[in-house]
Amino acid sequence: MTDNHFDTIVIGSGIGGLTCASLLAQIEERRVLVLERHFTPGGYTHMFRRKKKI
């Protein structure tokens, strides 16, 4: 059976969410789950293009 216990859940994988999750996991040794709606984590730290309006 798998252990699905997490100490902390971070919603959003923008720069703030990833920073908090990383610090909690590395310094506080917590099990962290990061949830993101978009298919690429990182929020506005990655590039994307919008369709042009006609």
PDB file of N, CA and C in Angstrom:
ATOM      1  N   MET A   1       0.848  -1.176   0.000  1.00  0.00           N
ATOM      2  CA  MET A   1       0.000   0.000   0.000  1.00  0.00           C
ATOM      3  C   MET A   1       0.891   1.236   0.000  1.00  0.00           C
ATOM      4  N   THR A   2       0.491   2.271  -0.723  1.00  0.00           N
ATOM      5  CA  THR A   2       1.283   3.498  -0.782  1.00  0.00           C
ATOM      6  C   THR A   2       0.886   4.442   0.348  1.00  0.00           C
ATOM      7  N   ASP A   3       1.837   5.234   0.779  1.00  0.00           N
ATOM      8  CA  ASP A   3       1.598   6.225   1.821  1.00  0.00           C
ATOM      9  C   ASP A   3       1.306   7.561   1.152  1.00  0.00           C
ATOM     10  N   ASN A   4       0.070   8.040   1.232  1.00  0.00           N
ATOM     11  CA  ASN A   4      -0.335   9.289   0.591  1.00  0.00           C
ATOM     12  C   ASN A   4      -0.368  10.441   1.577  1.00  0.00           C
ATOM     13  N   HIS A   5       0.466  10.403   2.577  1.00  0.00           N
ATOM     14  CA  HIS A   5       0.491  11.449   3.593  1.00  0.00           C
ATOM     15  C   HIS A   5       1.450  12.556   3.174  1.00  0.00           C
ATOM     16  N   PHE A   6       0.959  13.794   3.199  1.00  0.00           N
ATOM     17  CA  PHE A   6       1.794  14.955   2.933  1.00  0.00           C
ATOM     18  C   PHE A   6       1.696  15.889   4.120  1.00  0.00           C
ATOM     19  N   ASP A   7       2.802  16.504   4.476  1.00  0.00           N
ATOM     20  CA  ASP A   7       2.808  17.467   5.570  1.00  0.00           C
ATOM     21  C   ASP A   7       2.258  18.811   5.121  1.00  0.00           C
ATOM     22  N   THR A   8       2.527  19.155   3.864  1.00  0.00           N
ATOM     23  CA  THR A   8       2.135  20.465   3.338  1.00  0.00           C
ATOM     24  C   THR A   8       1.662  20.309   1.898  1.00  0.00           C
ATOM     25  N   ILE A   9       0.615  21.052   1.535  1.00  0.00           N
ATOM     26  CA  ILE A   9       0.149  21.095   0.151  1.00  0.00           C
ATOM     27  C   ILE A   9       0.277  22.532  -0.333  1.00  0.00           C
ATOM     28  N   VAL A  10       1.005  22.725  -1.430  1.00  0.00           N
ATOM     29  CA  VAL A  10       1.190  24.046  -2.026  1.00  0.00           C
ATOM     30  C   VAL A  10       0.364  24.090  -3.307  1.00  0.00           C
ATOM     31  N   ILE A  11      -0.527  25.072  -3.410  1.00  0.00           N
ATOM     32  CA  ILE A  11      -1.362  25.215  -4.594  1.00  0.00           C
ATOM     33  C   ILE A  11      -0.764  26.314  -5.470  1.00  0.00           C
ATOM     34  N   GLY A  12      -0.332  25.928  -6.653  1.00  0.00           N
ATOM     35  CA  GLY A  12       0.294  26.858  -7.592  1.00  0.00           C
ATOM     36  C   GLY A  12       1.794  26.655  -7.626  1.00  0.00           C
ATOM     37  N   SER A  13       2.323  26.505  -8.822  1.00  0.00           N
ATOM     38  CA  SER A  13       3.758  26.246  -8.955  1.00  0.00           C
ATOM     39  C   SER A  13       4.484  27.431  -9.570  1.00  0.00           C
ATOM     40  N   GLY A  14       4.053  28.637  -9.206  1.00  0.00           N
ATOM     41  CA  GLY A  14       4.796  29.821  -9.617  1.00  0.00           C
ATOM     42  C   GLY A  14       6.091  29.906  -8.828  1.00  0.00           C
ATOM     43  N   ILE A  15       6.821  30.975  -9.005  1.00  0.00           N
ATOM     44  CA  ILE A  15       8.123  31.103  -8.342  1.00  0.00           C
ATOM     45  C   ILE A  15       7.979  31.061  -6.819  1.00  0.00           C
ATOM     46  N   GLY A  16       6.919  31.662  -6.290  1.00  0.00           N
ATOM     47  CA  GLY A  16       6.705  31.648  -4.843  1.00  0.00           C
ATOM     48  C   GLY A  16       6.349  30.270  -4.319  1.00  0.00           C
ATOM     49  N   GLY A  17       5.453  29.584  -5.021  1.00  0.00           N
ATOM     50  CA  GLY A  17       5.049  28.245  -4.608  1.00  0.00           C
ATOM     51  C   GLY A  17       6.193  27.252  -4.658  1.00  0.00           C
ATOM     52  N   LEU A  18       6.980  27.301  -5.730  1.00  0.00           N
ATOM     53  CA  LEU A  18       8.117  26.383  -5.849  1.00  0.00           C
ATOM     54  C   LEU A  18       9.189  26.687  -4.817  1.00  0.00           C
ATOM     55  N   THR A  19       9.413  27.966  -4.526  1.00  0.00           N
ATOM     56  CA  THR A  19      10.391  28.339  -3.513  1.00  0.00           C
ATOM     57  C   THR A  19       9.975  27.833  -2.139  1.00  0.00           C
ATOM     58  N   CYS A  20       8.714  28.066  -1.782  1.00  0.00           N
ATOM     59  CA  CYS A  20       8.208  27.593  -0.484  1.00  0.00           C
ATOM     60  C   CYS A  20       8.282  26.075  -0.383  1.00  0.00           C
ATOM     61  N   ALA A  21       7.852  25.394  -1.432  1.00  0.00           N
ATOM     62  CA  ALA A  21       7.874  23.932  -1.424  1.00  0.00           C
ATOM     63  C   ALA A  21       9.299  23.400  -1.274  1.00  0.00           C
ATOM     64  N   SER A  22      10.228  24.008  -1.987  1.00  0.00           N
ATOM     65  CA  SER A  22      11.616  23.582  -1.914  1.00  0.00           C
ATOM     66  C   SER A  22      12.210  23.805  -0.526  1.00  0.00           C
ATOM     67  N   LEU A  23      11.957  24.977   0.045  1.00  0.00           N
ATOM     68  CA  LEU A  23      12.480  25.260   1.385  1.00  0.00           C
ATOM     69  C   LEU A  23      11.875  24.331   2.437  1.00  0.00           C
ATOM     70  N   LEU A  24      10.580  24.103   2.356  1.00  0.00           N
ATOM     71  CA  LEU A  24       9.932  23.201   3.310  1.00  0.00           C
ATOM     72  C   LEU A  24      10.480  21.778   3.195  1.00  0.00           C
ATOM     73  N   ALA A  25      10.704  21.326   1.969  1.00  0.00           N
ATOM     74  CA  ALA A  25      11.200  19.968   1.769  1.00  0.00           C
ATOM     75  C   ALA A  25      12.666  19.821   2.196  1.00  0.00           C
ATOM     76  N   GLN A  26      13.490  20.813   1.893  1.00  0.00           N
ATOM     77  CA  GLN A  26      14.917  20.690   2.170  1.00  0.00           C
ATOM     78  C   GLN A  26      15.285  21.053   3.605  1.00  0.00           C
ATOM     79  N   ILE A  27      14.748  22.148   4.117  1.00  0.00           N
ATOM     80  CA  ILE A  27      15.159  22.638   5.439  1.00  0.00           C
ATOM     81  C   ILE A  27      14.311  22.010   6.548  1.00  0.00           C
ATOM     82  N   GLU A  28      12.998  21.984   6.343  1.00  0.00           N
ATOM     83  CA  GLU A  28      12.100  21.459   7.376  1.00  0.00           C
ATOM     84  C   GLU A  28      11.869  19.951   7.246  1.00  0.00           C
ATOM     85  N   GLU A  29      12.382  19.346   6.165  1.00  0.00           N
ATOM     86  CA  GLU A  29      12.249  17.910   5.889  1.00  0.00           C
ATOM     87  C   GLU A  29      10.785  17.463   5.902  1.00  0.00           C
ATOM     88  N   ARG A  30       9.937  18.255   5.258  1.00  0.00           N
ATOM     89  CA  ARG A  30       8.520  17.926   5.150  1.00  0.00           C
ATOM     90  C   ARG A  30       8.240  17.270   3.808  1.00  0.00           C
ATOM     91  N   ARG A  31       7.198  16.466   3.762  1.00  0.00           N
ATOM     92  CA  ARG A  31       6.737  15.899   2.493  1.00  0.00           C
ATOM     93  C   ARG A  31       5.751  16.890   1.898  1.00  0.00           C
ATOM     94  N   VAL A  32       6.087  17.410   0.714  1.00  0.00           N
ATOM     95  CA  VAL A  32       5.326  18.505   0.113  1.00  0.00           C
ATOM     96  C   VAL A  32       4.705  18.036  -1.199  1.00  0.00           C
ATOM     97  N   LEU A  33       3.434  18.367  -1.377  1.00  0.00           N
ATOM     98  CA  LEU A  33       2.725  18.129  -2.632  1.00  0.00           C
ATOM     99  C   LEU A  33       2.471  19.482  -3.279  1.00  0.00           C
ATOM    100  N   VAL A  34       2.909  19.651  -4.538  1.00  0.00           N
ATOM    101  CA  VAL A  34       2.679  20.888  -5.287  1.00  0.00           C
ATOM    102  C   VAL A  34       1.622  20.597  -6.348  1.00  0.00           C
ATOM    103  N   LEU A  35       0.541  21.357  -6.316  1.00  0.00           N
ATOM    104  CA  LEU A  35      -0.535  21.189  -7.289  1.00  0.00           C
ATOM    105  C   LEU A  35      -0.517  22.351  -8.273  1.00  0.00           C
ATOM    106  N   GLU A  36      -0.665  22.037  -9.566  1.00  0.00           N
ATOM    107  CA  GLU A  36      -0.648  23.055 -10.612  1.00  0.00           C
ATOM    108  C   GLU A  36      -1.691  22.699 -11.663  1.00  0.00           C
ATOM    109  N   ARG A  37      -2.480  23.669 -12.084  1.00  0.00           N
ATOM    110  CA  ARG A  37      -3.509  23.442 -13.097  1.00  0.00           C
ATOM    111  C   ARG A  37      -2.910  23.397 -14.502  1.00  0.00           C
ATOM    112  N   HIS A  38      -1.899  24.208 -14.756  1.00  0.00           N
ATOM    113  CA  HIS A  38      -1.271  24.288 -16.080  1.00  0.00           C
ATOM    114  C   HIS A  38      -0.403  23.052 -16.303  1.00  0.00           C
ATOM    115  N   PHE A  39      -0.120  22.715 -17.559  1.00  0.00           N
ATOM    116  CA  PHE A  39       0.675  21.525 -17.845  1.00  0.00           C
ATOM    117  C   PHE A  39       2.171  21.746 -17.635  1.00  0.00           C
ATOM    118  N   THR A  40       2.611  22.999 -17.494  1.00  0.00           N
ATOM    119  CA  THR A  40       4.016  23.306 -17.250  1.00  0.00           C
ATOM    120  C   THR A  40       4.147  24.049 -15.930  1.00  0.00           C
ATOM    121  N   PRO A  41       4.932  23.523 -14.986  1.00  0.00           N
ATOM    122  CA  PRO A  41       5.116  24.249 -13.726  1.00  0.00           C
ATOM    123  C   PRO A  41       5.982  25.484 -13.922  1.00  0.00           C
ATOM    124  N   GLY A  42       5.834  26.458 -13.057  1.00  0.00           N
ATOM    125  CA  GLY A  42       6.687  27.626 -13.105  1.00  0.00           C
ATOM    126  C   GLY A  42       5.969  28.950 -13.190  1.00  0.00           C
ATOM    127  N   GLY A  43       4.663  28.939 -13.429  1.00  0.00           N
ATOM    128  CA  GLY A  43       3.920  30.195 -13.506  1.00  0.00           C
ATOM    129  C   GLY A  43       4.457  31.097 -14.604  1.00  0.00           C
ATOM    130  N   TYR A  44       4.731  32.354 -14.251  1.00  0.00           N
ATOM    131  CA  TYR A  44       5.234  33.314 -15.239  1.00  0.00           C
ATOM    132  C   TYR A  44       6.747  33.239 -15.428  1.00  0.00           C
ATOM    133  N   THR A  45       7.386  32.170 -14.950  1.00  0.00           N
ATOM    134  CA  THR A  45       8.822  32.025 -15.161  1.00  0.00           C
ATOM    135  C   THR A  45       9.139  31.347 -16.495  1.00  0.00           C
ATOM    136  N   HIS A  46       8.121  30.910 -17.238  1.00  0.00           N
ATOM    137  CA  HIS A  46       8.364  30.342 -18.562  1.00  0.00           C
ATOM    138  C   HIS A  46       7.643  31.174 -19.612  1.00  0.00           C
ATOM    139  N   MET A  47       8.055  31.006 -20.858  1.00  0.00           N
ATOM    140  CA  MET A  47       7.463  31.793 -21.938  1.00  0.00           C
ATOM    141  C   MET A  47       6.273  31.063 -22.545  1.00  0.00           C
ATOM    142  N   PHE A  48       5.287  31.809 -22.960  1.00  0.00           N
ATOM    143  CA  PHE A  48       4.183  31.259 -23.706  1.00  0.00           C
ATOM    144  C   PHE A  48       3.643  32.350 -24.618  1.00  0.00           C
ATOM    145  N   ARG A  49       2.967  31.957 -25.674  1.00  0.00           N
ATOM    146  CA  ARG A  49       2.398  32.908 -26.629  1.00  0.00           C
ATOM    147  C   ARG A  49       0.900  32.780 -26.640  1.00  0.00           C
ATOM    148  N   ARG A  50       0.261  33.913 -26.770  1.00  0.00           N
ATOM    149  CA  ARG A  50      -1.200  33.926 -26.904  1.00  0.00           C
ATOM    150  C   ARG A  50      -1.542  34.045 -28.381  1.00  0.00           C
ATOM    151  N   LYS A  51      -2.712  33.539 -28.723  1.00  0.00           N
ATOM    152  CA  LYS A  51      -3.162  33.662 -30.111  1.00  0.00           C
ATOM    153  C   LYS A  51      -3.453  35.114 -30.421  1.00  0.00           C
ATOM    154  N   LYS A  52      -3.120  35.537 -31.633  1.00  0.00           N
ATOM    155  CA  LYS A  52      -3.396  36.914 -32.041  1.00  0.00           C
ATOM    156  C   LYS A  52      -4.869  37.091 -32.305  1.00  0.00           C
ATOM    157  N   LYS A  53      -5.405  38.247 -31.898  1.00  0.00           N
ATOM    158  CA  LYS A  53      -6.801  38.578 -32.197  1.00  0.00           C
ATOM    159  C   LYS A  53      -6.865  39.196 -33.582  1.00  0.00           C
ATOM    160  N   ILE A  54      -7.874  38.831 -34.304  1.00  0.00           N
ATOM    161  CA  ILE A  54      -8.037  39.372 -35.673  1.00  0.00           C
ATOM    162  C   ILE A  54      -8.905  40.601 -35.650  1.00  0.00           C
TER     163      ILE A  54
END
